[in-house]
Amino acid sequence: MKLLLDTHVWIWSVSEPTKLAPRAAEALQDQANELWLSPISIWEFVILVEKRRLTLEMSPEEWFSQASRTLSTKEAPLTAEVALATRHIGLPHGDPADLFLAATAKVFDLTLVTSDVHLLTAKDISLLRA
């Protein structure tokens, strides 16, 4: 299975894995699954740090470097096709990051791993509740 990690799932899987639902944690640890990360999640991570909603003991760059060594992920490309697909994602809110993540899952046929109640309502994409 190819799993696209929502921003909070990516952060939790590195720093607070006990926050993940057992099924999601098991899927993330299964070596048969591919883990994917969108640049949008890295951007959201940086914003969380800048707004002090996430505190780190190191710079965001250092945290990202350590996270990359801890959790091996593939980069999900941010393409024109993904940007255009955001128009067809039916979410109850207009959060651009969520739209991009859902569109990325749709375009690249990835399963979006999330606990975000808004994203869990997305249609036409595969979802795994975290």
C-alpha atoms as a PDB file:
ATOM      1  CA  MET A   1       0.000   0.000   0.000  1.00  0.00           C
ATOM      2  CA  LYS A   2       1.199   3.534  -0.768  1.00  0.00           C
ATOM      3  CA  LEU A   3       0.461   5.825   2.184  1.00  0.00           C
ATOM      4  CA  LEU A   4       0.464   9.632   2.048  1.00  0.00           C
ATOM      5  CA  LEU A   5       1.014  11.002   5.540  1.00  0.00           C
ATOM      6  CA  ASP A   6      -1.016  13.990   6.650  1.00  0.00           C
ATOM      7  CA  THR A   7       1.159  16.583   8.382  1.00  0.00           C
ATOM      8  CA  HIS A   8       0.136  15.657  11.924  1.00  0.00           C
ATOM      9  CA  VAL A   9       0.527  11.944  11.185  1.00  0.00           C
ATOM     10  CA  TRP A  10       4.060  12.541   9.920  1.00  0.00           C
ATOM     11  CA  ILE A  11       4.980  14.591  13.007  1.00  0.00           C
ATOM     12  CA  TRP A  12       3.357  12.088  15.389  1.00  0.00           C
ATOM     13  CA  SER A  13       4.994   9.113  13.703  1.00  0.00           C
ATOM     14  CA  VAL A  14       8.390  10.651  14.378  1.00  0.00           C
ATOM     15  CA  SER A  15       7.913  12.293  17.784  1.00  0.00           C
ATOM     16  CA  GLU A  16       4.720  10.907  19.385  1.00  0.00           C
ATOM     17  CA  PRO A  17       3.843   7.551  17.786  1.00  0.00           C
ATOM     18  CA  THR A  18       1.490   6.627  20.649  1.00  0.00           C
ATOM     19  CA  LYS A  19      -0.954   9.246  19.317  1.00  0.00           C
ATOM     20  CA  LEU A  20      -1.546   7.114  16.222  1.00  0.00           C
ATOM     21  CA  ALA A  21      -4.445   4.690  16.067  1.00  0.00           C
ATOM     22  CA  PRO A  22      -3.163   1.095  16.305  1.00  0.00           C
ATOM     23  CA  ARG A  23      -4.191   0.238  12.728  1.00  0.00           C
ATOM     24  CA  ALA A  24      -2.406   3.308  11.343  1.00  0.00           C
ATOM     25  CA  ALA A  25       0.718   2.691  13.455  1.00  0.00           C
ATOM     26  CA  GLU A  26       0.829  -0.890  12.202  1.00  0.00           C
ATOM     27  CA  ALA A  27       0.468   0.252   8.583  1.00  0.00           C
ATOM     28  CA  LEU A  28       3.281   2.774   8.984  1.00  0.00           C
ATOM     29  CA  GLN A  29       5.592   0.118  10.439  1.00  0.00           C
ATOM     30  CA  ASP A  30       4.802  -2.456   7.760  1.00  0.00           C
ATOM     31  CA  GLN A  31       7.870  -2.555   5.489  1.00  0.00           C
ATOM     32  CA  ALA A  32       5.658  -3.644   2.580  1.00  0.00           C
ATOM     33  CA  ASN A  33       4.017  -0.204   2.573  1.00  0.00           C
ATOM     34  CA  GLU A  34       5.519   2.868   0.936  1.00  0.00           C
ATOM     35  CA  LEU A  35       5.348   6.083   2.973  1.00  0.00           C
ATOM     36  CA  TRP A  36       4.911   9.310   1.041  1.00  0.00           C
ATOM     37  CA  LEU A  37       5.270  12.910   2.221  1.00  0.00           C
ATOM     38  CA  SER A  38       4.111  16.029   0.429  1.00  0.00           C
ATOM     39  CA  PRO A  39       6.173  19.240   0.423  1.00  0.00           C
ATOM     40  CA  ILE A  40       2.920  20.809   1.647  1.00  0.00           C
ATOM     41  CA  SER A  41       3.365  18.937   4.938  1.00  0.00           C
ATOM     42  CA  ILE A  42       6.884  20.272   5.328  1.00  0.00           C
ATOM     43  CA  TRP A  43       5.561  23.778   4.669  1.00  0.00           C
ATOM     44  CA  GLU A  44       2.795  23.270   7.260  1.00  0.00           C
ATOM     45  CA  PHE A  45       5.384  21.974   9.737  1.00  0.00           C
ATOM     46  CA  VAL A  46       7.493  25.134   9.294  1.00  0.00           C
ATOM     47  CA  ILE A  47       4.407  27.314   9.827  1.00  0.00           C
ATOM     48  CA  LEU A  48       3.511  25.409  13.018  1.00  0.00           C
ATOM     49  CA  VAL A  49       7.006  26.050  14.359  1.00  0.00           C
ATOM     50  CA  GLU A  50       6.965  29.734  13.349  1.00  0.00           C
ATOM     51  CA  LYS A  51       3.582  30.260  15.026  1.00  0.00           C
ATOM     52  CA  ARG A  52       4.891  28.424  18.107  1.00  0.00           C
ATOM     53  CA  ARG A  53       2.136  25.806  17.887  1.00  0.00           C
ATOM     54  CA  LEU A  54       4.923  23.242  17.746  1.00  0.00           C
ATOM     55  CA  THR A  55       8.052  23.690  19.828  1.00  0.00           C
ATOM     56  CA  LEU A  56      11.309  22.021  18.964  1.00  0.00           C
ATOM     57  CA  GLU A  57      14.622  21.583  20.733  1.00  0.00           C
ATOM     58  CA  MET A  58      16.387  22.299  17.421  1.00  0.00           C
ATOM     59  CA  SER A  59      15.892  24.169  14.164  1.00  0.00           C
ATOM     60  CA  PRO A  60      13.173  22.979  11.769  1.00  0.00           C
ATOM     61  CA  GLU A  61      15.898  21.982   9.323  1.00  0.00           C
ATOM     62  CA  GLU A  62      17.636  19.818  11.929  1.00  0.00           C
ATOM     63  CA  TRP A  63      14.326  18.253  12.995  1.00  0.00           C
ATOM     64  CA  PHE A  64      13.475  17.475   9.376  1.00  0.00           C
ATOM     65  CA  SER A  65      16.891  15.910   8.842  1.00  0.00           C
ATOM     66  CA  GLN A  66      16.481  13.704  11.913  1.00  0.00           C
ATOM     67  CA  ALA A  67      12.898  12.853  10.957  1.00  0.00           C
ATOM     68  CA  SER A  68      14.081  11.795   7.505  1.00  0.00           C
ATOM     69  CA  ARG A  69      16.568   9.385   9.069  1.00  0.00           C
ATOM     70  CA  THR A  70      13.912   8.042  11.477  1.00  0.00           C
ATOM     71  CA  LEU A  71      11.128   7.614   8.941  1.00  0.00           C
ATOM     72  CA  SER A  72      11.949   6.841   5.342  1.00  0.00           C
ATOM     73  CA  THR A  73       9.512   8.579   2.996  1.00  0.00           C
ATOM     74  CA  LYS A  74       9.202   9.275  -0.698  1.00  0.00           C
ATOM     75  CA  GLU A  75       8.489  12.833  -1.786  1.00  0.00           C
ATOM     76  CA  ALA A  76       5.074  13.236  -3.365  1.00  0.00           C
ATOM     77  CA  PRO A  77       5.529  15.669  -6.241  1.00  0.00           C
ATOM     78  CA  LEU A  78       3.619  18.916  -6.230  1.00  0.00           C
ATOM     79  CA  THR A  79       2.577  19.075  -9.880  1.00  0.00           C
ATOM     80  CA  ALA A  80       0.269  21.079 -12.101  1.00  0.00           C
ATOM     81  CA  GLU A  81      -2.039  18.049 -12.212  1.00  0.00           C
ATOM     82  CA  VAL A  82      -2.269  18.077  -8.410  1.00  0.00           C
ATOM     83  CA  ALA A  83      -2.962  21.823  -8.366  1.00  0.00           C
ATOM     84  CA  LEU A  84      -5.749  21.417 -10.933  1.00  0.00           C
ATOM     85  CA  ALA A  85      -7.223  18.433  -9.059  1.00  0.00           C
ATOM     86  CA  THR A  86      -7.803  20.604  -5.978  1.00  0.00           C
ATOM     87  CA  ARG A  87     -10.860  21.983  -7.796  1.00  0.00           C
ATOM     88  CA  HIS A  88     -12.557  18.587  -7.605  1.00  0.00           C
ATOM     89  CA  ILE A  89     -11.910  17.738  -3.973  1.00  0.00           C
ATOM     90  CA  GLY A  90     -15.098  18.128  -1.970  1.00  0.00           C
ATOM     91  CA  LEU A  91     -14.085  19.254   1.498  1.00  0.00           C
ATOM     92  CA  PRO A  92     -16.337  21.120   3.942  1.00  0.00           C
ATOM     93  CA  HIS A  93     -13.697  23.849   4.264  1.00  0.00           C
ATOM     94  CA  GLY A  94     -11.238  25.551   1.956  1.00  0.00           C
ATOM     95  CA  ASP A  95      -7.955  24.822   3.736  1.00  0.00           C
ATOM     96  CA  PRO A  96      -5.416  24.928   0.886  1.00  0.00           C
ATOM     97  CA  ALA A  97      -3.040  22.450   2.553  1.00  0.00           C
ATOM     98  CA  ASP A  98      -5.826  19.893   3.004  1.00  0.00           C
ATOM     99  CA  LEU A  99      -6.947  20.392  -0.591  1.00  0.00           C
ATOM    100  CA  PHE A 100      -3.404  19.788  -1.843  1.00  0.00           C
ATOM    101  CA  LEU A 101      -2.966  16.682   0.303  1.00  0.00           C
ATOM    102  CA  ALA A 102      -6.278  15.193  -0.825  1.00  0.00           C
ATOM    103  CA  ALA A 103      -5.548  16.051  -4.466  1.00  0.00           C
ATOM    104  CA  THR A 104      -2.086  14.477  -4.177  1.00  0.00           C
ATOM    105  CA  ALA A 105      -3.648  11.282  -2.840  1.00  0.00           C
ATOM    106  CA  LYS A 106      -6.132  11.256  -5.709  1.00  0.00           C
ATOM    107  CA  VAL A 107      -3.661  12.005  -8.516  1.00  0.00           C
ATOM    108  CA  PHE A 108      -1.016   9.506  -7.386  1.00  0.00           C
ATOM    109  CA  ASP A 109      -3.453   6.864  -6.114  1.00  0.00           C
ATOM    110  CA  LEU A 110      -2.180   7.074  -2.539  1.00  0.00           C
ATOM    111  CA  THR A 111      -4.041   6.288   0.684  1.00  0.00           C
ATOM    112  CA  LEU A 112      -4.183   9.414   2.833  1.00  0.00           C
ATOM    113  CA  VAL A 113      -3.429   8.654   6.490  1.00  0.00           C
ATOM    114  CA  THR A 114      -5.147  11.259   8.669  1.00  0.00           C
ATOM    115  CA  SER A 115      -7.196  11.879  11.762  1.00  0.00           C
ATOM    116  CA  ASP A 116      -8.467  15.216  10.439  1.00  0.00           C
ATOM    117  CA  VAL A 117     -12.276  15.033  10.524  1.00  0.00           C
ATOM    118  CA  HIS A 118     -12.523  17.297   7.485  1.00  0.00           C
ATOM    119  CA  LEU A 119     -10.188  15.179   5.378  1.00  0.00           C
ATOM    120  CA  LEU A 120     -11.944  12.000   6.473  1.00  0.00           C
ATOM    121  CA  THR A 121     -15.037  13.275   4.616  1.00  0.00           C
ATOM    122  CA  ALA A 122     -13.163  13.549   1.301  1.00  0.00           C
ATOM    123  CA  LYS A 123     -14.735  11.602  -1.538  1.00  0.00           C
ATOM    124  CA  ASP A 124     -12.992   9.618  -4.264  1.00  0.00           C
ATOM    125  CA  ILE A 125      -9.756   9.058  -2.347  1.00  0.00           C
ATOM    126  CA  SER A 126      -8.553   6.169  -0.249  1.00  0.00           C
ATOM    127  CA  LEU A 127      -8.339   7.015   3.462  1.00  0.00           C
ATOM    128  CA  LEU A 128      -6.854   5.406   6.570  1.00  0.00           C
ATOM    129  CA  ARG A 129      -7.934   6.859   9.914  1.00  0.00           C
ATOM    130  CA  ALA A 130      -4.962   7.704  12.105  1.00  0.00           C
END
